[in-house]
Every structure is written in structure tokens, then in C-alpha cells.
PDB file of all heavy atoms in Angstrom:
ATOM      1  N   ILE A   1       0.840  -1.205   0.000  1.00  0.00           N
ATOM      2  CA  ILE A   1       0.000   0.000   0.000  1.00  0.00           C
ATOM      3  C   ILE A   1       0.872   1.250   0.000  1.00  0.00           C
ATOM      4  O   ILE A   1       0.608   2.219  -0.723  1.00  0.00           O
ATOM      5  CB  ILE A   1      -0.939  -0.007   1.221  1.00  0.00           C
ATOM      6  CG1 ILE A   1      -2.001  -1.095   1.072  1.00  0.00           C
ATOM      7  CG2 ILE A   1      -1.604   1.367   1.409  1.00  0.00           C
ATOM      8  CD1 ILE A   1      -2.841  -1.312   2.312  1.00  0.00           C
ATOM      9  N   MET A   2       1.941   1.229   0.796  1.00  0.00           N
ATOM     10  CA  MET A   2       2.819   2.394   0.949  1.00  0.00           C
ATOM     11  C   MET A   2       3.903   2.474  -0.121  1.00  0.00           C
ATOM     12  O   MET A   2       4.694   3.416  -0.129  1.00  0.00           O
ATOM     13  CB  MET A   2       3.469   2.366   2.330  1.00  0.00           C
ATOM     14  CG  MET A   2       2.490   2.451   3.486  1.00  0.00           C
ATOM     15  SD  MET A   2       1.691   4.054   3.600  1.00  0.00           S
ATOM     16  CE  MET A   2       3.012   5.049   4.304  1.00  0.00           C
ATOM     17  N   GLN A   3       3.960   1.482  -1.010  1.00  0.00           N
ATOM     18  CA  GLN A   3       5.034   1.384  -2.012  1.00  0.00           C
ATOM     19  C   GLN A   3       6.410   1.415  -1.342  1.00  0.00           C
ATOM     20  O   GLN A   3       7.305   2.164  -1.749  1.00  0.00           O
ATOM     21  CB  GLN A   3       4.914   2.498  -3.053  1.00  0.00           C
ATOM     22  CG  GLN A   3       3.794   2.281  -4.063  1.00  0.00           C
ATOM     23  CD  GLN A   3       4.048   3.002  -5.381  1.00  0.00           C
ATOM     24  OE1 GLN A   3       5.187   3.101  -5.856  1.00  0.00           O
ATOM     25  NE2 GLN A   3       2.991   3.520  -5.981  1.00  0.00           N
ATOM     26  N   LEU A   4       6.573   0.588  -0.335  1.00  0.00           N
ATOM     27  CA  LEU A   4       7.844   0.490   0.388  1.00  0.00           C
ATOM     28  C   LEU A   4       8.479  -0.896   0.250  1.00  0.00           C
ATOM     29  O   LEU A   4       9.339  -1.268   1.043  1.00  0.00           O
ATOM     30  CB  LEU A   4       7.627   0.805   1.873  1.00  0.00           C
ATOM     31  CG  LEU A   4       7.306   2.259   2.201  1.00  0.00           C
ATOM     32  CD1 LEU A   4       6.985   2.416   3.678  1.00  0.00           C
ATOM     33  CD2 LEU A   4       8.470   3.175   1.816  1.00  0.00           C
ATOM     34  N   LEU A   5       8.063  -1.632  -0.766  1.00  0.00           N
ATOM     35  CA  LEU A   5       8.651  -2.940  -1.015  1.00  0.00           C
ATOM     36  C   LEU A   5      10.093  -2.800  -1.502  1.00  0.00           C
ATOM     37  O   LEU A   5      10.476  -1.756  -2.050  1.00  0.00           O
ATOM     38  CB  LEU A   5       7.845  -3.689  -2.069  1.00  0.00           C
ATOM     39  CG  LEU A   5       6.442  -4.151  -1.671  1.00  0.00           C
ATOM     40  CD1 LEU A   5       5.689  -4.628  -2.908  1.00  0.00           C
ATOM     41  CD2 LEU A   5       6.513  -5.248  -0.628  1.00  0.00           C
ATOM     42  N   PRO A   6      10.928  -3.838  -1.329  1.00  0.00           N
ATOM     43  CA  PRO A   6      12.275  -3.811  -1.918  1.00  0.00           C
ATOM     44  C   PRO A   6      12.190  -3.590  -3.425  1.00  0.00           C
ATOM     45  O   PRO A   6      11.223  -4.033  -4.068  1.00  0.00           O
ATOM     46  CB  PRO A   6      12.834  -5.201  -1.589  1.00  0.00           C
ATOM     47  CG  PRO A   6      12.015  -5.696  -0.447  1.00  0.00           C
ATOM     48  CD  PRO A   6      10.655  -5.094  -0.601  1.00  0.00           C
ATOM     49  N   PRO A   7      13.162  -2.909  -4.014  1.00  0.00           N
ATOM     50  CA  PRO A   7      13.103  -2.597  -5.449  1.00  0.00           C
ATOM     51  C   PRO A   7      12.843  -3.806  -6.338  1.00  0.00           C
ATOM     52  O   PRO A   7      12.107  -3.714  -7.325  1.00  0.00           O
ATOM     53  CB  PRO A   7      14.483  -1.989  -5.727  1.00  0.00           C
ATOM     54  CG  PRO A   7      14.911  -1.419  -4.405  1.00  0.00           C
ATOM     55  CD  PRO A   7      14.366  -2.345  -3.368  1.00  0.00           C
ATOM     56  N   GLN A   8      13.428  -4.958  -5.986  1.00  0.00           N
ATOM     57  CA  GLN A   8      13.284  -6.137  -6.839  1.00  0.00           C
ATOM     58  C   GLN A   8      11.877  -6.712  -6.838  1.00  0.00           C
ATOM     59  O   GLN A   8      11.525  -7.533  -7.689  1.00  0.00           O
ATOM     60  CB  GLN A   8      14.275  -7.223  -6.437  1.00  0.00           C
ATOM     61  CG  GLN A   8      14.083  -7.783  -5.033  1.00  0.00           C
ATOM     62  CD  GLN A   8      14.856  -7.006  -3.984  1.00  0.00           C
ATOM     63  OE1 GLN A   8      15.170  -5.830  -4.191  1.00  0.00           O
ATOM     64  NE2 GLN A   8      15.192  -7.669  -2.881  1.00  0.00           N
ATOM     65  N   ALA A   9      11.038  -6.280  -5.871  1.00  0.00           N
ATOM     66  CA  ALA A   9       9.677  -6.820  -5.782  1.00  0.00           C
ATOM     67  C   ALA A   9       8.622  -5.859  -6.287  1.00  0.00           C
ATOM     68  O   ALA A   9       7.455  -6.221  -6.398  1.00  0.00           O
ATOM     69  CB  ALA A   9       9.372  -7.201  -4.332  1.00  0.00           C
ATOM     70  N   ARG A  10       8.987  -4.626  -6.609  1.00  0.00           N
ATOM     71  CA  ARG A  10       7.981  -3.627  -6.945  1.00  0.00           C
ATOM     72  C   ARG A  10       7.248  -3.915  -8.248  1.00  0.00           C
ATOM     73  O   ARG A  10       6.138  -3.447  -8.453  1.00  0.00           O
ATOM     74  CB  ARG A  10       8.624  -2.242  -6.992  1.00  0.00           C
ATOM     75  CG  ARG A  10       9.057  -1.768  -5.605  1.00  0.00           C
ATOM     76  CD  ARG A  10       9.793  -0.452  -5.634  1.00  0.00           C
ATOM     77  NE  ARG A  10      10.314  -0.136  -4.304  1.00  0.00           N
ATOM     78  CZ  ARG A  10      11.152   0.857  -4.046  1.00  0.00           C
ATOM     79  NH1 ARG A  10      11.563   1.654  -5.036  1.00  0.00           N
ATOM     80  NH2 ARG A  10      11.583   1.064  -2.822  1.00  0.00           N
ATOM     81  N   GLY A  11       7.871  -4.682  -9.131  1.00  0.00           N
ATOM     82  CA  GLY A  11       7.190  -5.041 -10.367  1.00  0.00           C
ATOM     83  C   GLY A  11       6.277  -6.236 -10.217  1.00  0.00           C
ATOM     84  O   GLY A  11       5.551  -6.582 -11.148  1.00  0.00           O
ATOM     85  N   ASN A  12       6.306  -6.867  -9.045  1.00  0.00           N
ATOM     86  CA  ASN A  12       5.523  -8.079  -8.827  1.00  0.00           C
ATOM     87  C   ASN A  12       4.272  -7.782  -8.007  1.00  0.00           C
ATOM     88  O   ASN A  12       3.985  -8.437  -7.006  1.00  0.00           O
ATOM     89  CB  ASN A  12       6.364  -9.132  -8.106  1.00  0.00           C
ATOM     90  CG  ASN A  12       7.575  -9.563  -8.918  1.00  0.00           C
ATOM     91  OD1 ASN A  12       7.641  -9.317 -10.115  1.00  0.00           O
ATOM     92  ND2 ASN A  12       8.517 -10.199  -8.272  1.00  0.00           N
ATOM     93  N   VAL A  13       3.530  -6.776  -8.433  1.00  0.00           N
ATOM     94  CA  VAL A  13       2.335  -6.333  -7.712  1.00  0.00           C
ATOM     95  C   VAL A  13       1.192  -6.180  -8.707  1.00  0.00           C
ATOM     96  O   VAL A  13       1.389  -5.697  -9.828  1.00  0.00           O
ATOM     97  CB  VAL A  13       2.584  -4.988  -6.993  1.00  0.00           C
ATOM     98  CG1 VAL A  13       1.302  -4.468  -6.356  1.00  0.00           C
ATOM     99  CG2 VAL A  13       3.681  -5.137  -5.935  1.00  0.00           C
ATOM    100  N   ALA A  14      -0.008  -6.603  -8.294  1.00  0.00           N
ATOM    101  CA  ALA A  14      -1.200  -6.438  -9.125  1.00  0.00           C
ATOM    102  C   ALA A  14      -2.369  -6.060  -8.230  1.00  0.00           C
ATOM    103  O   ALA A  14      -2.332  -6.243  -7.018  1.00  0.00           O
ATOM    104  CB  ALA A  14      -1.495  -7.724  -9.896  1.00  0.00           C
ATOM    105  N   GLY A  15      -3.405  -5.516  -8.842  1.00  0.00           N
ATOM    106  CA  GLY A  15      -4.580  -5.093  -8.102  1.00  0.00           C
ATOM    107  C   GLY A  15      -4.680  -3.579  -8.043  1.00  0.00           C
ATOM    108  O   GLY A  15      -4.018  -2.855  -8.806  1.00  0.00           O
ATOM    109  N   GLU A  16      -5.496  -3.083  -7.134  1.00  0.00           N
ATOM    110  CA  GLU A  16      -5.704  -1.642  -6.986  1.00  0.00           C
ATOM    111  C   GLU A  16      -5.659  -1.255  -5.511  1.00  0.00           C
ATOM    112  O   GLU A  16      -6.146  -1.977  -4.648  1.00  0.00           O
ATOM    113  CB  GLU A  16      -7.061  -1.223  -7.556  1.00  0.00           C
ATOM    114  CG  GLU A  16      -7.192  -1.380  -9.058  1.00  0.00           C
ATOM    115  CD  GLU A  16      -8.550  -0.902  -9.541  1.00  0.00           C
ATOM    116  OE1 GLU A  16      -9.532  -1.017  -8.772  1.00  0.00           O
ATOM    117  OE2 GLU A  16      -8.635  -0.416 -10.692  1.00  0.00           O
ATOM    118  N   VAL A  17      -5.075  -0.079  -5.250  1.00  0.00           N
ATOM    119  CA  VAL A  17      -5.101   0.532  -3.922  1.00  0.00           C
ATOM    120  C   VAL A  17      -5.566   1.968  -4.138  1.00  0.00           C
ATOM    121  O   VAL A  17      -4.779   2.831  -4.530  1.00  0.00           O
ATOM    122  CB  VAL A  17      -3.724   0.494  -3.243  1.00  0.00           C
ATOM    123  CG1 VAL A  17      -3.783   1.210  -1.885  1.00  0.00           C
ATOM    124  CG2 VAL A  17      -3.251  -0.938  -3.049  1.00  0.00           C
ATOM    125  N   ILE A  18      -6.849   2.215  -3.909  1.00  0.00           N
ATOM    126  CA  ILE A  18      -7.445   3.502  -4.232  1.00  0.00           C
ATOM    127  C   ILE A  18      -7.547   4.358  -2.982  1.00  0.00           C
ATOM    128  O   ILE A  18      -8.173   3.976  -1.992  1.00  0.00           O
ATOM    129  CB  ILE A  18      -8.844   3.333  -4.856  1.00  0.00           C
ATOM    130  CG1 ILE A  18      -8.786   2.383  -6.058  1.00  0.00           C
ATOM    131  CG2 ILE A  18      -9.413   4.693  -5.262  1.00  0.00           C
ATOM    132  CD1 ILE A  18      -7.914   2.871  -7.191  1.00  0.00           C
ATOM    133  N   LEU A  19      -6.918   5.519  -3.014  1.00  0.00           N
ATOM    134  CA  LEU A  19      -7.041   6.526  -1.969  1.00  0.00           C
ATOM    135  C   LEU A  19      -7.647   7.762  -2.612  1.00  0.00           C
ATOM    136  O   LEU A  19      -7.025   8.381  -3.483  1.00  0.00           O
ATOM    137  CB  LEU A  19      -5.673   6.850  -1.368  1.00  0.00           C
ATOM    138  CG  LEU A  19      -5.674   7.908  -0.260  1.00  0.00           C
ATOM    139  CD1 LEU A  19      -6.316   7.366   1.009  1.00  0.00           C
ATOM    140  CD2 LEU A  19      -4.248   8.391   0.032  1.00  0.00           C
ATOM    141  N   GLY A  20      -8.850   8.133  -2.177  1.00  0.00           N
ATOM    142  CA  GLY A  20      -9.540   9.212  -2.874  1.00  0.00           C
ATOM    143  C   GLY A  20      -9.883   8.759  -4.276  1.00  0.00           C
ATOM    144  O   GLY A  20     -10.594   7.781  -4.462  1.00  0.00           O
ATOM    145  N   ASN A  21      -9.345   9.441  -5.265  1.00  0.00           N
ATOM    146  CA  ASN A  21      -9.576   9.026  -6.655  1.00  0.00           C
ATOM    147  C   ASN A  21      -8.293   8.597  -7.334  1.00  0.00           C
ATOM    148  O   ASN A  21      -8.205   8.566  -8.556  1.00  0.00           O
ATOM    149  CB  ASN A  21     -10.233  10.166  -7.451  1.00  0.00           C
ATOM    150  CG  ASN A  21      -9.375  11.426  -7.473  1.00  0.00           C
ATOM    151  OD1 ASN A  21      -8.310  11.473  -6.848  1.00  0.00           O
ATOM    152  ND2 ASN A  21      -9.833  12.442  -8.177  1.00  0.00           N
ATOM    153  N   GLN A  22      -7.267   8.253  -6.531  1.00  0.00           N
ATOM    154  CA  GLN A  22      -5.971   7.862  -7.083  1.00  0.00           C
ATOM    155  C   GLN A  22      -5.656   6.409  -6.767  1.00  0.00           C
ATOM    156  O   GLN A  22      -5.892   5.940  -5.643  1.00  0.00           O
ATOM    157  CB  GLN A  22      -4.848   8.739  -6.508  1.00  0.00           C
ATOM    158  CG  GLN A  22      -4.864  10.183  -6.971  1.00  0.00           C
ATOM    159  CD  GLN A  22      -3.666  10.940  -6.435  1.00  0.00           C
ATOM    160  OE1 GLN A  22      -3.376  10.903  -5.240  1.00  0.00           O
ATOM    161  NE2 GLN A  22      -2.952  11.622  -7.303  1.00  0.00           N
ATOM    162  N   ASP A  23      -5.117   5.701  -7.753  1.00  0.00           N
ATOM    163  CA  ASP A  23      -4.589   4.357  -7.530  1.00  0.00           C
ATOM    164  C   ASP A  23      -3.123   4.504  -7.123  1.00  0.00           C
ATOM    165  O   ASP A  23      -2.276   4.882  -7.940  1.00  0.00           O
ATOM    166  CB  ASP A  23      -4.717   3.520  -8.802  1.00  0.00           C
ATOM    167  CG  ASP A  23      -4.262   2.072  -8.592  1.00  0.00           C
ATOM    168  OD1 ASP A  23      -3.781   1.743  -7.481  1.00  0.00           O
ATOM    169  OD2 ASP A  23      -4.371   1.280  -9.540  1.00  0.00           O
ATOM    170  N   LEU A  24      -2.829   4.234  -5.866  1.00  0.00           N
ATOM    171  CA  LEU A  24      -1.471   4.445  -5.364  1.00  0.00           C
ATOM    172  C   LEU A  24      -0.450   3.579  -6.089  1.00  0.00           C
ATOM    173  O   LEU A  24       0.725   3.966  -6.203  1.00  0.00           O
ATOM    174  CB  LEU A  24      -1.414   4.160  -3.857  1.00  0.00           C
ATOM    175  CG  LEU A  24      -2.319   5.006  -2.959  1.00  0.00           C
ATOM    176  CD1 LEU A  24      -2.018   4.717  -1.489  1.00  0.00           C
ATOM    177  CD2 LEU A  24      -2.165   6.492  -3.258  1.00  0.00           C
ATOM    178  N   LEU A  25      -0.861   2.419  -6.568  1.00  0.00           N
ATOM    179  CA  LEU A  25       0.075   1.532  -7.256  1.00  0.00           C
ATOM    180  C   LEU A  25       0.524   2.104  -8.588  1.00  0.00           C
ATOM    181  O   LEU A  25       1.542   1.674  -9.140  1.00  0.00           O
ATOM    182  CB  LEU A  25      -0.559   0.154  -7.467  1.00  0.00           C
ATOM    183  CG  LEU A  25      -0.982  -0.593  -6.202  1.00  0.00           C
ATOM    184  CD1 LEU A  25      -1.504  -1.979  -6.562  1.00  0.00           C
ATOM    185  CD2 LEU A  25       0.179  -0.694  -5.204  1.00  0.00           C
ATOM    186  N   ALA A  26      -0.224   3.085  -9.116  1.00  0.00           N
ATOM    187  CA  ALA A  26       0.123   3.689 -10.402  1.00  0.00           C
ATOM    188  C   ALA A  26       0.925   4.971 -10.243  1.00  0.00           C
ATOM    189  O   ALA A  26       1.383   5.544 -11.237  1.00  0.00           O
ATOM    190  CB  ALA A  26      -1.147   3.975 -11.205  1.00  0.00           C
ATOM    191  N   LEU A  27       1.114   5.434  -8.998  1.00  0.00           N
ATOM    192  CA  LEU A  27       1.816   6.699  -8.783  1.00  0.00           C
ATOM    193  C   LEU A  27       3.330   6.518  -8.856  1.00  0.00           C
ATOM    194  O   LEU A  27       3.871   5.536  -8.358  1.00  0.00           O
ATOM    195  CB  LEU A  27       1.454   7.281  -7.414  1.00  0.00           C
ATOM    196  CG  LEU A  27       0.020   7.759  -7.197  1.00  0.00           C
ATOM    197  CD1 LEU A  27      -0.112   8.377  -5.808  1.00  0.00           C
ATOM    198  CD2 LEU A  27      -0.382   8.770  -8.264  1.00  0.00           C
ATOM    199  N   PRO A  28       4.037   7.483  -9.455  1.00  0.00           N
ATOM    200  CA  PRO A  28       5.505   7.447  -9.420  1.00  0.00           C
ATOM    201  C   PRO A  28       6.000   7.755  -8.013  1.00  0.00           C
ATOM    202  O   PRO A  28       5.281   8.294  -7.177  1.00  0.00           O
ATOM    203  CB  PRO A  28       5.903   8.551 -10.407  1.00  0.00           C
ATOM    204  CG  PRO A  28       4.744   9.489 -10.401  1.00  0.00           C
ATOM    205  CD  PRO A  28       3.520   8.651 -10.189  1.00  0.00           C
TER     206      PRO A  28
END
């Protein structure tokens, strides 16, 4: 949810985490 995974695992994520109207998984 916080995008604090190790760098090697960040590409291994699927689904949605919506806060307000933003998908946090899509944020840079």
C-alpha cells in the first residue's frame, strides 16, 4: 500500500489501492 517494497519486488504487484480518486500503485 505504501510502495515500500524492496526494489526487486515492486514489479511483482497487481490489483488496486485507491485513496480518494488515485490508484497508489500507479503513482511514481
